[in-house]
């Protein structure tokens, strides 16, 4: 069951995948961190930041069925969301920055589906995602206008970046759906009904 911690766990897993696979010694000093808006004003010297700039409800799976446990208990339907990230390389020179971006894009393309083992490995909780859950990563280029809207607040730090969506992160509900006793018999007594 992926609860509210699934958003952070997804970002941490993606960064962990990149950090562990970074080619050494070329990127030995690179840092890999989740960024929020204020971090973009004063970034680190070398590395990759993952900036979650938008969260949307997944439109293809919006109406999910209730979650049913093995013991028959039912819970309210999960909320399927898509996480929109910018992968932003930082370096002192343009060549190293572009090499870092190229390597990150290739690494993400080589691992387009994050399994639960990877998703649970990097977060503070080792059971955020259940064994059958996965998250799909897809490249989703932003329009120039959208990029300008994001970076406009951080002048003059516009950086080259790559946009990705982590699809179908399901936030499960802890609220159980109450169930009554099973119906044993039905009695139809139409003759006794008032006229």
N, C-alpha and C. Protein backbone atom coordinates (compact mmCIF):
# COMPACT_ATOMS: atom_id res chain seq x y z
N UNK A 1 0.85 -1.18 0.00
CA UNK A 1 0.00 0.00 0.00
C UNK A 1 0.88 1.23 0.00
N UNK A 2 0.80 2.04 -1.02
CA UNK A 2 1.58 3.27 -1.10
C UNK A 2 0.75 4.40 -0.52
N UNK A 3 1.16 4.89 0.63
CA UNK A 3 0.46 5.99 1.27
C UNK A 3 1.00 7.32 0.81
N UNK A 4 0.82 8.32 1.65
CA UNK A 4 1.23 9.67 1.28
C UNK A 4 2.75 9.80 1.10
N UNK A 5 3.53 8.86 1.65
CA UNK A 5 4.98 8.90 1.49
C UNK A 5 5.46 8.51 0.11
N UNK A 6 4.55 8.09 -0.77
CA UNK A 6 4.93 7.61 -2.10
C UNK A 6 5.52 8.72 -2.97
N UNK A 7 5.08 9.95 -2.78
CA UNK A 7 5.61 11.05 -3.59
C UNK A 7 7.10 11.23 -3.31
N UNK A 8 7.45 11.36 -2.04
CA UNK A 8 8.86 11.54 -1.67
C UNK A 8 9.68 10.31 -2.02
N UNK A 9 9.13 9.12 -1.80
CA UNK A 9 9.86 7.88 -2.09
C UNK A 9 10.18 7.75 -3.57
N UNK A 10 9.28 8.21 -4.44
CA UNK A 10 9.53 8.15 -5.88
C UNK A 10 10.70 9.04 -6.28
N UNK A 11 10.71 10.26 -5.78
CA UNK A 11 11.83 11.16 -6.07
C UNK A 11 13.15 10.64 -5.53
N UNK A 12 13.13 10.10 -4.32
CA UNK A 12 14.35 9.56 -3.73
C UNK A 12 14.85 8.35 -4.51
N UNK A 13 13.94 7.52 -4.99
CA UNK A 13 14.35 6.35 -5.77
C UNK A 13 14.99 6.76 -7.09
N UNK A 14 14.41 7.74 -7.75
CA UNK A 14 14.97 8.20 -9.02
C UNK A 14 16.36 8.79 -8.81
N UNK A 15 16.53 9.59 -7.76
CA UNK A 15 17.85 10.14 -7.46
C UNK A 15 18.84 9.05 -7.07
N UNK A 16 18.39 8.07 -6.29
CA UNK A 16 19.26 6.97 -5.91
C UNK A 16 19.74 6.16 -7.10
N UNK A 17 18.84 5.94 -8.04
CA UNK A 17 19.20 5.23 -9.27
C UNK A 17 20.30 5.98 -10.01
N UNK A 18 20.17 7.30 -10.12
CA UNK A 18 21.17 8.11 -10.82
C UNK A 18 22.48 8.18 -10.04
N UNK A 19 22.39 8.38 -8.73
CA UNK A 19 23.60 8.53 -7.92
C UNK A 19 24.45 7.26 -7.93
N UNK A 20 23.82 6.11 -7.82
CA UNK A 20 24.58 4.86 -7.80
C UNK A 20 25.15 4.48 -9.16
N UNK A 21 24.50 4.94 -10.22
CA UNK A 21 24.97 4.57 -11.55
C UNK A 21 25.89 5.58 -12.20
N UNK A 22 26.11 6.73 -11.55
CA UNK A 22 26.91 7.79 -12.16
C UNK A 22 28.32 7.30 -12.49
N UNK A 23 28.78 7.52 -13.72
CA UNK A 23 30.12 7.07 -14.12
C UNK A 23 31.21 7.74 -13.29
N UNK A 24 32.08 6.90 -12.75
CA UNK A 24 33.23 7.39 -12.00
C UNK A 24 34.45 7.19 -12.89
N UNK A 25 35.44 8.00 -12.86
CA UNK A 25 35.64 9.15 -11.99
C UNK A 25 35.07 10.46 -12.53
N UNK A 26 34.48 10.43 -13.74
CA UNK A 26 34.03 11.70 -14.34
C UNK A 26 33.06 12.46 -13.45
N UNK A 27 32.11 11.78 -12.85
CA UNK A 27 31.12 12.46 -12.01
C UNK A 27 31.25 12.04 -10.54
N UNK A 28 32.48 11.80 -10.11
CA UNK A 28 32.71 11.33 -8.73
C UNK A 28 32.28 12.36 -7.70
N UNK A 29 32.35 13.63 -8.02
CA UNK A 29 31.99 14.69 -7.05
C UNK A 29 30.56 15.18 -7.22
N UNK A 30 29.82 14.59 -8.11
CA UNK A 30 28.45 15.05 -8.38
C UNK A 30 27.54 14.72 -7.20
N UNK A 31 26.68 15.67 -6.87
CA UNK A 31 25.67 15.46 -5.84
C UNK A 31 24.33 15.22 -6.53
N UNK A 32 23.46 14.48 -5.88
CA UNK A 32 22.14 14.17 -6.42
C UNK A 32 21.13 14.47 -5.32
N UNK A 33 20.29 15.50 -5.55
CA UNK A 33 19.40 15.95 -4.49
C UNK A 33 18.03 16.35 -5.02
N UNK A 34 17.03 16.17 -4.15
CA UNK A 34 15.70 16.72 -4.42
C UNK A 34 15.77 18.22 -4.16
N UNK A 35 15.20 19.00 -5.06
CA UNK A 35 15.20 20.46 -4.90
C UNK A 35 13.77 20.96 -4.74
N UNK A 36 13.67 22.05 -3.98
CA UNK A 36 12.43 22.82 -3.96
C UNK A 36 12.76 24.17 -4.58
N UNK A 37 11.77 25.01 -4.76
CA UNK A 37 11.95 26.25 -5.51
C UNK A 37 13.09 27.12 -4.97
N UNK A 38 13.19 27.26 -3.67
CA UNK A 38 14.22 28.14 -3.11
C UNK A 38 15.63 27.63 -3.39
N UNK A 39 15.81 26.33 -3.57
CA UNK A 39 17.14 25.78 -3.85
C UNK A 39 17.64 26.16 -5.24
N UNK A 40 16.74 26.47 -6.15
CA UNK A 40 17.13 26.80 -7.52
C UNK A 40 17.86 28.13 -7.61
N UNK A 41 17.68 28.98 -6.62
CA UNK A 41 18.35 30.29 -6.63
C UNK A 41 19.84 30.14 -6.32
N UNK A 42 20.18 29.21 -5.42
CA UNK A 42 21.58 28.98 -5.03
C UNK A 42 21.89 27.49 -5.13
N UNK A 43 22.08 26.98 -6.36
CA UNK A 43 22.32 25.54 -6.53
C UNK A 43 23.75 25.15 -6.16
N UNK A 44 23.98 23.84 -6.06
CA UNK A 44 25.35 23.37 -5.81
C UNK A 44 26.16 23.47 -7.09
N UNK A 45 27.49 23.25 -6.97
CA UNK A 45 28.39 23.43 -8.11
C UNK A 45 28.31 22.33 -9.15
N UNK A 46 28.15 21.09 -8.70
CA UNK A 46 28.13 19.99 -9.66
C UNK A 46 27.20 18.89 -9.19
N UNK A 47 26.34 18.48 -10.07
CA UNK A 47 25.44 17.39 -9.74
C UNK A 47 24.12 17.50 -10.49
N UNK A 48 23.13 16.78 -9.97
CA UNK A 48 21.81 16.73 -10.59
C UNK A 48 20.77 17.00 -9.52
N UNK A 49 19.89 17.93 -9.82
CA UNK A 49 18.76 18.17 -8.91
C UNK A 49 17.49 17.67 -9.59
N UNK A 50 16.60 17.19 -8.76
CA UNK A 50 15.30 16.71 -9.23
C UNK A 50 14.26 17.63 -8.63
N UNK A 51 13.60 18.39 -9.49
CA UNK A 51 12.65 19.41 -9.05
C UNK A 51 11.24 18.99 -9.43
N UNK A 52 10.42 18.73 -8.44
CA UNK A 52 9.01 18.38 -8.67
C UNK A 52 8.25 19.69 -8.86
N UNK A 53 7.84 19.96 -10.10
CA UNK A 53 7.20 21.24 -10.38
C UNK A 53 5.69 21.15 -10.55
N UNK A 54 5.17 19.92 -10.61
CA UNK A 54 3.72 19.80 -10.83
C UNK A 54 3.26 18.39 -10.46
N UNK A 55 2.06 18.30 -9.91
CA UNK A 55 1.44 17.01 -9.60
C UNK A 55 0.04 17.04 -10.19
N UNK A 56 -0.32 16.00 -10.94
CA UNK A 56 -1.65 15.93 -11.55
C UNK A 56 -2.27 14.57 -11.25
N UNK A 57 -3.59 14.52 -11.31
CA UNK A 57 -4.29 13.25 -11.17
C UNK A 57 -4.22 12.54 -12.52
N UNK A 58 -3.87 11.28 -12.51
CA UNK A 58 -3.77 10.50 -13.74
C UNK A 58 -5.16 10.34 -14.34
N UNK A 59 -5.34 10.82 -15.56
CA UNK A 59 -6.65 10.79 -16.19
C UNK A 59 -7.08 9.44 -16.72
N UNK A 60 -6.14 8.56 -17.02
CA UNK A 60 -6.52 7.27 -17.61
C UNK A 60 -7.02 6.28 -16.57
N UNK A 61 -6.63 6.43 -15.33
CA UNK A 61 -7.03 5.49 -14.28
C UNK A 61 -7.72 6.21 -13.13
N UNK A 62 -8.43 7.28 -13.40
CA UNK A 62 -8.99 8.10 -12.33
C UNK A 62 -9.95 7.34 -11.43
N UNK A 63 -10.83 6.53 -11.99
CA UNK A 63 -11.83 5.81 -11.20
C UNK A 63 -11.33 4.40 -10.91
N UNK A 64 -10.62 4.28 -9.82
CA UNK A 64 -10.07 2.98 -9.44
C UNK A 64 -11.05 2.25 -8.52
N UNK A 65 -11.01 0.93 -8.53
CA UNK A 65 -11.89 0.17 -7.63
C UNK A 65 -11.34 0.24 -6.20
N UNK A 66 -12.16 -0.09 -5.22
CA UNK A 66 -11.67 -0.13 -3.84
C UNK A 66 -10.53 -1.15 -3.71
N UNK A 67 -9.64 -0.88 -2.79
CA UNK A 67 -8.54 -1.81 -2.51
C UNK A 67 -9.06 -2.89 -1.56
N UNK A 68 -8.83 -4.14 -1.90
CA UNK A 68 -9.32 -5.26 -1.10
C UNK A 68 -8.12 -6.05 -0.60
N UNK A 69 -8.03 -6.24 0.72
CA UNK A 69 -6.96 -7.03 1.30
C UNK A 69 -7.30 -8.52 1.23
N UNK A 70 -6.32 -9.35 1.50
CA UNK A 70 -6.52 -10.80 1.44
C UNK A 70 -7.58 -11.28 2.42
N UNK A 71 -7.76 -10.54 3.52
CA UNK A 71 -8.77 -10.96 4.51
C UNK A 71 -10.17 -10.44 4.18
N UNK A 72 -10.32 -9.77 3.03
CA UNK A 72 -11.62 -9.30 2.58
C UNK A 72 -11.96 -7.88 2.95
N UNK A 73 -11.13 -7.24 3.79
CA UNK A 73 -11.40 -5.84 4.14
C UNK A 73 -11.22 -4.96 2.91
N UNK A 74 -12.13 -3.98 2.78
CA UNK A 74 -12.11 -3.08 1.63
C UNK A 74 -11.78 -1.67 2.10
N UNK A 75 -11.00 -0.97 1.27
CA UNK A 75 -10.61 0.40 1.58
C UNK A 75 -11.00 1.31 0.43
N UNK A 76 -11.15 2.58 0.74
CA UNK A 76 -11.51 3.55 -0.30
C UNK A 76 -10.52 3.47 -1.45
N UNK A 77 -10.96 3.81 -2.67
CA UNK A 77 -10.07 3.72 -3.84
C UNK A 77 -8.84 4.61 -3.70
N UNK A 78 -7.75 4.16 -4.31
CA UNK A 78 -6.52 4.93 -4.31
C UNK A 78 -6.63 6.14 -5.24
N UNK A 79 -5.74 7.10 -5.02
CA UNK A 79 -5.67 8.29 -5.86
C UNK A 79 -4.45 8.16 -6.77
N UNK A 80 -4.66 7.90 -8.08
CA UNK A 80 -3.52 7.76 -9.00
C UNK A 80 -3.03 9.13 -9.45
N UNK A 81 -1.76 9.42 -9.20
CA UNK A 81 -1.22 10.72 -9.57
C UNK A 81 0.00 10.56 -10.48
N UNK A 82 0.29 11.62 -11.21
CA UNK A 82 1.49 11.72 -12.03
C UNK A 82 2.35 12.83 -11.45
N UNK A 83 3.64 12.55 -11.31
CA UNK A 83 4.59 13.52 -10.76
C UNK A 83 5.43 14.07 -11.91
N UNK A 84 5.44 15.37 -12.06
CA UNK A 84 6.15 16.04 -13.16
C UNK A 84 7.46 16.62 -12.62
N UNK A 85 8.56 16.07 -13.10
CA UNK A 85 9.88 16.46 -12.61
C UNK A 85 10.69 17.17 -13.69
N UNK A 86 11.60 18.03 -13.23
CA UNK A 86 12.68 18.54 -14.07
C UNK A 86 13.97 17.92 -13.54
N UNK A 87 14.71 17.28 -14.42
CA UNK A 87 16.04 16.78 -14.10
C UNK A 87 17.00 17.86 -14.55
N UNK A 88 17.70 18.47 -13.59
CA UNK A 88 18.53 19.65 -13.89
C UNK A 88 19.99 19.35 -13.57
N UNK A 89 20.87 19.34 -14.59
CA UNK A 89 22.29 19.13 -14.32
C UNK A 89 22.96 20.46 -13.97
N UNK A 90 23.92 20.41 -13.07
CA UNK A 90 24.68 21.61 -12.68
C UNK A 90 26.17 21.29 -12.80
N UNK A 91 26.91 22.20 -13.39
CA UNK A 91 28.36 22.04 -13.49
C UNK A 91 28.98 23.41 -13.75
N UNK A 92 30.30 23.49 -13.50
CA UNK A 92 31.02 24.76 -13.70
C UNK A 92 31.18 25.09 -15.17
N UNK A 93 31.23 24.07 -16.04
CA UNK A 93 31.37 24.37 -17.47
C UNK A 93 30.28 23.65 -18.25
N UNK A 94 29.97 24.19 -19.42
CA UNK A 94 28.85 23.71 -20.23
C UNK A 94 29.05 22.28 -20.71
N UNK A 95 30.28 21.91 -21.06
CA UNK A 95 30.53 20.56 -21.57
C UNK A 95 30.19 19.53 -20.50
N UNK A 96 30.67 19.74 -19.28
CA UNK A 96 30.40 18.78 -18.21
C UNK A 96 28.91 18.74 -17.88
N UNK A 97 28.28 19.89 -17.90
CA UNK A 97 26.84 19.96 -17.63
C UNK A 97 26.06 19.16 -18.68
N UNK A 98 26.42 19.32 -19.93
CA UNK A 98 25.72 18.61 -21.00
C UNK A 98 26.03 17.11 -20.97
N UNK A 99 27.24 16.75 -20.61
CA UNK A 99 27.57 15.33 -20.49
C UNK A 99 26.77 14.69 -19.35
N UNK A 100 26.63 15.42 -18.25
CA UNK A 100 25.86 14.92 -17.12
C UNK A 100 24.39 14.76 -17.49
N UNK A 101 23.84 15.72 -18.21
CA UNK A 101 22.45 15.61 -18.65
C UNK A 101 22.27 14.43 -19.61
N UNK A 102 23.18 14.29 -20.56
CA UNK A 102 23.10 13.17 -21.50
C UNK A 102 23.15 11.83 -20.80
N UNK A 103 24.05 11.72 -19.81
CA UNK A 103 24.14 10.46 -19.07
C UNK A 103 22.85 10.19 -18.29
N UNK A 104 22.29 11.22 -17.63
CA UNK A 104 21.05 11.04 -16.86
C UNK A 104 19.90 10.60 -17.76
N UNK A 105 19.76 11.23 -18.91
CA UNK A 105 18.67 10.88 -19.81
C UNK A 105 18.81 9.43 -20.29
N UNK A 106 20.03 9.02 -20.59
CA UNK A 106 20.24 7.63 -21.03
C UNK A 106 19.93 6.65 -19.89
N UNK A 107 20.35 6.99 -18.66
CA UNK A 107 20.12 6.10 -17.52
C UNK A 107 18.63 5.96 -17.22
N UNK A 108 17.89 7.05 -17.32
CA UNK A 108 16.44 6.98 -17.08
C UNK A 108 15.76 6.18 -18.18
N UNK A 109 16.19 6.36 -19.40
CA UNK A 109 15.60 5.61 -20.51
C UNK A 109 15.90 4.12 -20.40
N UNK A 110 17.05 3.79 -19.80
CA UNK A 110 17.41 2.38 -19.61
C UNK A 110 16.64 1.72 -18.47
N UNK A 111 16.06 2.52 -17.60
CA UNK A 111 15.27 2.00 -16.47
C UNK A 111 13.93 2.73 -16.44
N UNK A 112 13.06 2.48 -17.42
CA UNK A 112 11.82 3.26 -17.51
C UNK A 112 10.76 2.87 -16.49
N UNK A 113 10.94 1.72 -15.84
CA UNK A 113 9.96 1.29 -14.83
C UNK A 113 10.70 1.04 -13.53
N UNK A 114 10.27 1.75 -12.48
CA UNK A 114 10.88 1.59 -11.17
C UNK A 114 10.08 0.54 -10.40
N UNK A 115 10.69 -0.60 -10.06
CA UNK A 115 9.98 -1.63 -9.30
C UNK A 115 9.90 -1.25 -7.81
N UNK A 116 9.05 -1.94 -7.08
CA UNK A 116 8.84 -1.62 -5.67
C UNK A 116 10.12 -1.77 -4.85
N UNK A 117 10.96 -2.72 -5.19
CA UNK A 117 12.21 -2.89 -4.45
C UNK A 117 13.08 -1.66 -4.52
N UNK A 118 13.17 -1.04 -5.69
CA UNK A 118 13.93 0.19 -5.86
C UNK A 118 13.22 1.36 -5.20
N UNK A 119 11.91 1.43 -5.35
CA UNK A 119 11.13 2.53 -4.76
C UNK A 119 11.22 2.51 -3.24
N UNK A 120 11.29 1.34 -2.64
CA UNK A 120 11.35 1.23 -1.18
C UNK A 120 12.78 1.34 -0.64
N UNK A 121 13.76 1.17 -1.48
CA UNK A 121 15.16 1.09 -1.04
C UNK A 121 15.71 2.43 -0.53
N UNK A 122 15.33 3.53 -1.12
CA UNK A 122 15.98 4.81 -0.83
C UNK A 122 15.23 5.69 0.17
N UNK A 123 13.99 5.38 0.48
CA UNK A 123 13.24 6.21 1.40
C UNK A 123 13.44 5.79 2.84
N UNK A 124 12.88 6.57 3.77
CA UNK A 124 13.01 6.24 5.19
C UNK A 124 12.18 5.02 5.61
N UNK A 125 11.16 4.69 4.81
CA UNK A 125 10.32 3.53 5.11
C UNK A 125 10.57 2.47 4.04
N UNK A 126 10.76 1.25 4.46
CA UNK A 126 11.08 0.19 3.50
C UNK A 126 9.84 -0.52 2.96
N UNK A 127 8.65 -0.06 3.35
CA UNK A 127 7.43 -0.72 2.88
C UNK A 127 6.41 0.26 2.32
N UNK A 128 6.88 1.36 1.74
CA UNK A 128 5.97 2.35 1.18
C UNK A 128 5.15 1.75 0.04
N UNK A 129 5.83 1.02 -0.85
CA UNK A 129 5.16 0.41 -1.99
C UNK A 129 5.02 -1.09 -1.76
N UNK A 130 3.89 -1.65 -2.16
CA UNK A 130 3.70 -3.10 -2.05
C UNK A 130 4.45 -3.79 -3.19
N UNK A 131 4.73 -5.08 -3.06
CA UNK A 131 5.57 -5.78 -4.04
C UNK A 131 5.10 -5.69 -5.49
N UNK A 132 3.80 -5.56 -5.73
CA UNK A 132 3.32 -5.53 -7.12
C UNK A 132 3.28 -4.13 -7.73
N UNK A 133 3.59 -3.11 -6.96
CA UNK A 133 3.51 -1.74 -7.46
C UNK A 133 4.77 -1.34 -8.22
N UNK A 134 4.58 -0.56 -9.28
CA UNK A 134 5.67 0.01 -10.05
C UNK A 134 5.32 1.44 -10.42
N UNK A 135 6.32 2.19 -10.85
CA UNK A 135 6.12 3.55 -11.34
C UNK A 135 6.82 3.66 -12.69
N UNK A 136 6.12 4.18 -13.67
CA UNK A 136 6.66 4.31 -15.02
C UNK A 136 7.21 5.73 -15.21
N UNK A 137 8.41 5.82 -15.80
CA UNK A 137 9.03 7.11 -16.10
C UNK A 137 8.97 7.35 -17.59
N UNK A 138 8.45 8.51 -17.99
CA UNK A 138 8.42 8.85 -19.42
C UNK A 138 8.93 10.27 -19.62
N UNK A 139 9.65 10.46 -20.71
CA UNK A 139 10.13 11.78 -21.09
C UNK A 139 8.94 12.59 -21.58
N UNK A 140 8.82 13.81 -21.11
CA UNK A 140 7.68 14.65 -21.46
C UNK A 140 8.15 16.08 -21.64
N UNK A 141 8.64 16.43 -22.85
CA UNK A 141 9.19 17.76 -23.05
C UNK A 141 8.15 18.85 -22.80
N UNK A 142 8.58 19.89 -22.12
CA UNK A 142 7.70 21.03 -21.85
C UNK A 142 7.79 22.01 -23.01
N UNK A 143 6.74 22.77 -23.20
CA UNK A 143 6.78 23.83 -24.20
C UNK A 143 7.73 24.93 -23.71
N UNK A 144 8.22 25.72 -24.62
CA UNK A 144 9.11 26.81 -24.24
C UNK A 144 8.42 27.77 -23.28
N UNK A 145 7.12 28.00 -23.48
CA UNK A 145 6.38 28.89 -22.59
C UNK A 145 6.32 28.32 -21.16
N UNK A 146 6.07 27.01 -21.04
CA UNK A 146 6.04 26.40 -19.71
C UNK A 146 7.40 26.47 -19.02
N UNK A 147 8.46 26.23 -19.79
CA UNK A 147 9.80 26.34 -19.22
C UNK A 147 10.09 27.76 -18.75
N UNK A 148 9.71 28.73 -19.57
CA UNK A 148 9.94 30.12 -19.19
C UNK A 148 9.14 30.49 -17.93
N UNK A 149 7.92 29.96 -17.82
CA UNK A 149 7.11 30.24 -16.63
C UNK A 149 7.77 29.69 -15.37
N UNK A 150 8.37 28.51 -15.48
CA UNK A 150 9.03 27.91 -14.32
C UNK A 150 10.27 28.69 -13.94
N UNK A 151 11.10 29.00 -14.95
CA UNK A 151 12.39 29.62 -14.65
C UNK A 151 12.31 31.13 -14.46
N UNK A 152 11.23 31.75 -14.84
CA UNK A 152 11.12 33.20 -14.76
C UNK A 152 11.32 33.71 -13.33
N UNK A 153 10.89 32.95 -12.36
CA UNK A 153 11.02 33.38 -10.97
C UNK A 153 12.44 33.27 -10.44
N UNK A 154 13.33 32.58 -11.18
CA UNK A 154 14.67 32.32 -10.66
C UNK A 154 15.76 33.01 -11.49
N UNK A 155 15.45 34.12 -12.10
CA UNK A 155 16.43 34.83 -12.93
C UNK A 155 17.67 35.11 -12.10
N UNK A 156 18.85 35.06 -12.65
CA UNK A 156 19.20 34.66 -14.02
C UNK A 156 19.68 33.21 -14.10
N UNK A 157 19.10 32.31 -13.34
CA UNK A 157 19.63 30.95 -13.27
C UNK A 157 18.96 29.96 -14.22
N UNK A 158 18.47 30.40 -15.34
CA UNK A 158 17.87 29.47 -16.30
C UNK A 158 18.88 28.38 -16.63
N UNK A 159 18.45 27.13 -16.55
CA UNK A 159 19.33 26.01 -16.80
C UNK A 159 18.68 25.06 -17.80
N UNK A 160 19.53 24.37 -18.53
CA UNK A 160 19.03 23.31 -19.39
C UNK A 160 18.50 22.21 -18.47
N UNK A 161 17.43 21.56 -18.90
CA UNK A 161 16.83 20.53 -18.07
C UNK A 161 16.05 19.56 -18.95
N UNK A 162 15.68 18.44 -18.37
CA UNK A 162 14.87 17.45 -19.07
C UNK A 162 13.65 17.17 -18.21
N UNK A 163 12.48 17.14 -18.84
CA UNK A 163 11.22 16.95 -18.11
C UNK A 163 10.77 15.49 -18.20
N UNK A 164 10.38 14.95 -17.05
CA UNK A 164 9.91 13.57 -16.98
C UNK A 164 8.63 13.50 -16.15
N UNK A 165 7.84 12.48 -16.43
CA UNK A 165 6.65 12.21 -15.63
C UNK A 165 6.83 10.83 -15.01
N UNK A 166 6.60 10.76 -13.71
CA UNK A 166 6.51 9.48 -13.01
C UNK A 166 5.02 9.16 -12.96
N UNK A 167 4.59 8.18 -13.76
CA UNK A 167 3.17 7.90 -13.93
C UNK A 167 2.66 6.83 -12.98
N UNK A 168 1.42 7.02 -12.59
CA UNK A 168 0.66 6.05 -11.80
C UNK A 168 1.26 5.77 -10.42
N UNK A 169 1.57 6.83 -9.71
CA UNK A 169 1.92 6.70 -8.30
C UNK A 169 0.58 6.71 -7.58
N UNK A 170 0.20 5.59 -7.00
CA UNK A 170 -1.13 5.47 -6.39
C UNK A 170 -1.02 5.71 -4.89
N UNK A 171 -1.74 6.73 -4.42
CA UNK A 171 -1.80 7.02 -2.99
C UNK A 171 -3.01 6.29 -2.42
N UNK A 172 -2.75 5.21 -1.71
CA UNK A 172 -3.84 4.41 -1.15
C UNK A 172 -4.43 5.07 0.08
N UNK A 173 -5.69 4.84 0.29
CA UNK A 173 -6.41 5.39 1.43
C UNK A 173 -6.36 4.42 2.61
N UNK A 174 -6.19 4.95 3.83
CA UNK A 174 -6.24 4.09 5.02
C UNK A 174 -7.67 3.92 5.56
N UNK A 175 -8.65 4.55 4.89
CA UNK A 175 -10.03 4.53 5.38
C UNK A 175 -10.73 3.27 4.88
N UNK A 176 -11.16 2.47 5.84
CA UNK A 176 -11.83 1.21 5.51
C UNK A 176 -13.29 1.48 5.17
N UNK A 177 -13.79 0.76 4.17
CA UNK A 177 -15.21 0.85 3.80
C UNK A 177 -15.97 -0.13 4.69
N UNK A 178 -16.90 0.39 5.51
CA UNK A 178 -17.64 -0.53 6.38
C UNK A 178 -18.52 -1.46 5.55
N UNK A 179 -18.62 -2.67 6.01
CA UNK A 179 -19.48 -3.62 5.30
C UNK A 179 -20.42 -4.27 6.30
N UNK A 180 -21.65 -4.43 5.87
CA UNK A 180 -22.66 -5.08 6.71
C UNK A 180 -22.60 -6.58 6.54
N UNK A 181 -23.44 -7.24 7.27
CA UNK A 181 -23.52 -8.69 7.15
C UNK A 181 -24.06 -9.07 5.78
N UNK A 182 -23.69 -10.24 5.31
CA UNK A 182 -24.17 -10.72 4.02
C UNK A 182 -25.67 -10.97 4.07
N UNK A 183 -26.33 -10.72 2.96
CA UNK A 183 -27.78 -10.97 2.86
C UNK A 183 -27.99 -12.47 2.77
N UNK A 184 -28.84 -12.98 3.65
CA UNK A 184 -29.11 -14.41 3.68
C UNK A 184 -30.36 -14.76 2.88
N UNK A 185 -31.44 -14.00 3.10
CA UNK A 185 -32.69 -14.26 2.37
C UNK A 185 -33.36 -12.94 2.05
N UNK A 186 -34.18 -12.96 1.05
CA UNK A 186 -34.98 -11.80 0.69
C UNK A 186 -36.44 -12.18 0.85
N UNK A 187 -37.19 -11.27 1.43
CA UNK A 187 -38.62 -11.50 1.60
C UNK A 187 -39.38 -10.43 0.83
N UNK A 188 -40.15 -10.85 -0.13
CA UNK A 188 -40.97 -9.94 -0.92
C UNK A 188 -42.41 -10.09 -0.46
N UNK A 189 -42.91 -9.11 0.24
CA UNK A 189 -44.27 -9.16 0.77
C UNK A 189 -45.06 -7.99 0.21
N UNK A 190 -45.36 -8.06 -1.08
CA UNK A 190 -46.06 -6.97 -1.73
C UNK A 190 -47.50 -6.87 -1.28
N UNK A 191 -48.09 -7.96 -0.89
CA UNK A 191 -49.50 -7.94 -0.49
C UNK A 191 -49.70 -7.13 0.78
N UNK A 192 -48.72 -7.06 1.65
CA UNK A 192 -48.86 -6.34 2.93
C UNK A 192 -48.54 -4.86 2.78
N UNK A 193 -48.07 -4.44 1.63
CA UNK A 193 -47.71 -3.02 1.46
C UNK A 193 -48.96 -2.16 1.45
N UNK A 194 -48.88 -0.95 2.05
CA UNK A 194 -50.04 -0.05 2.06
C UNK A 194 -50.38 0.38 0.65
N UNK A 195 -51.68 0.55 0.39
CA UNK A 195 -52.17 0.92 -0.93
C UNK A 195 -52.19 2.41 -1.13
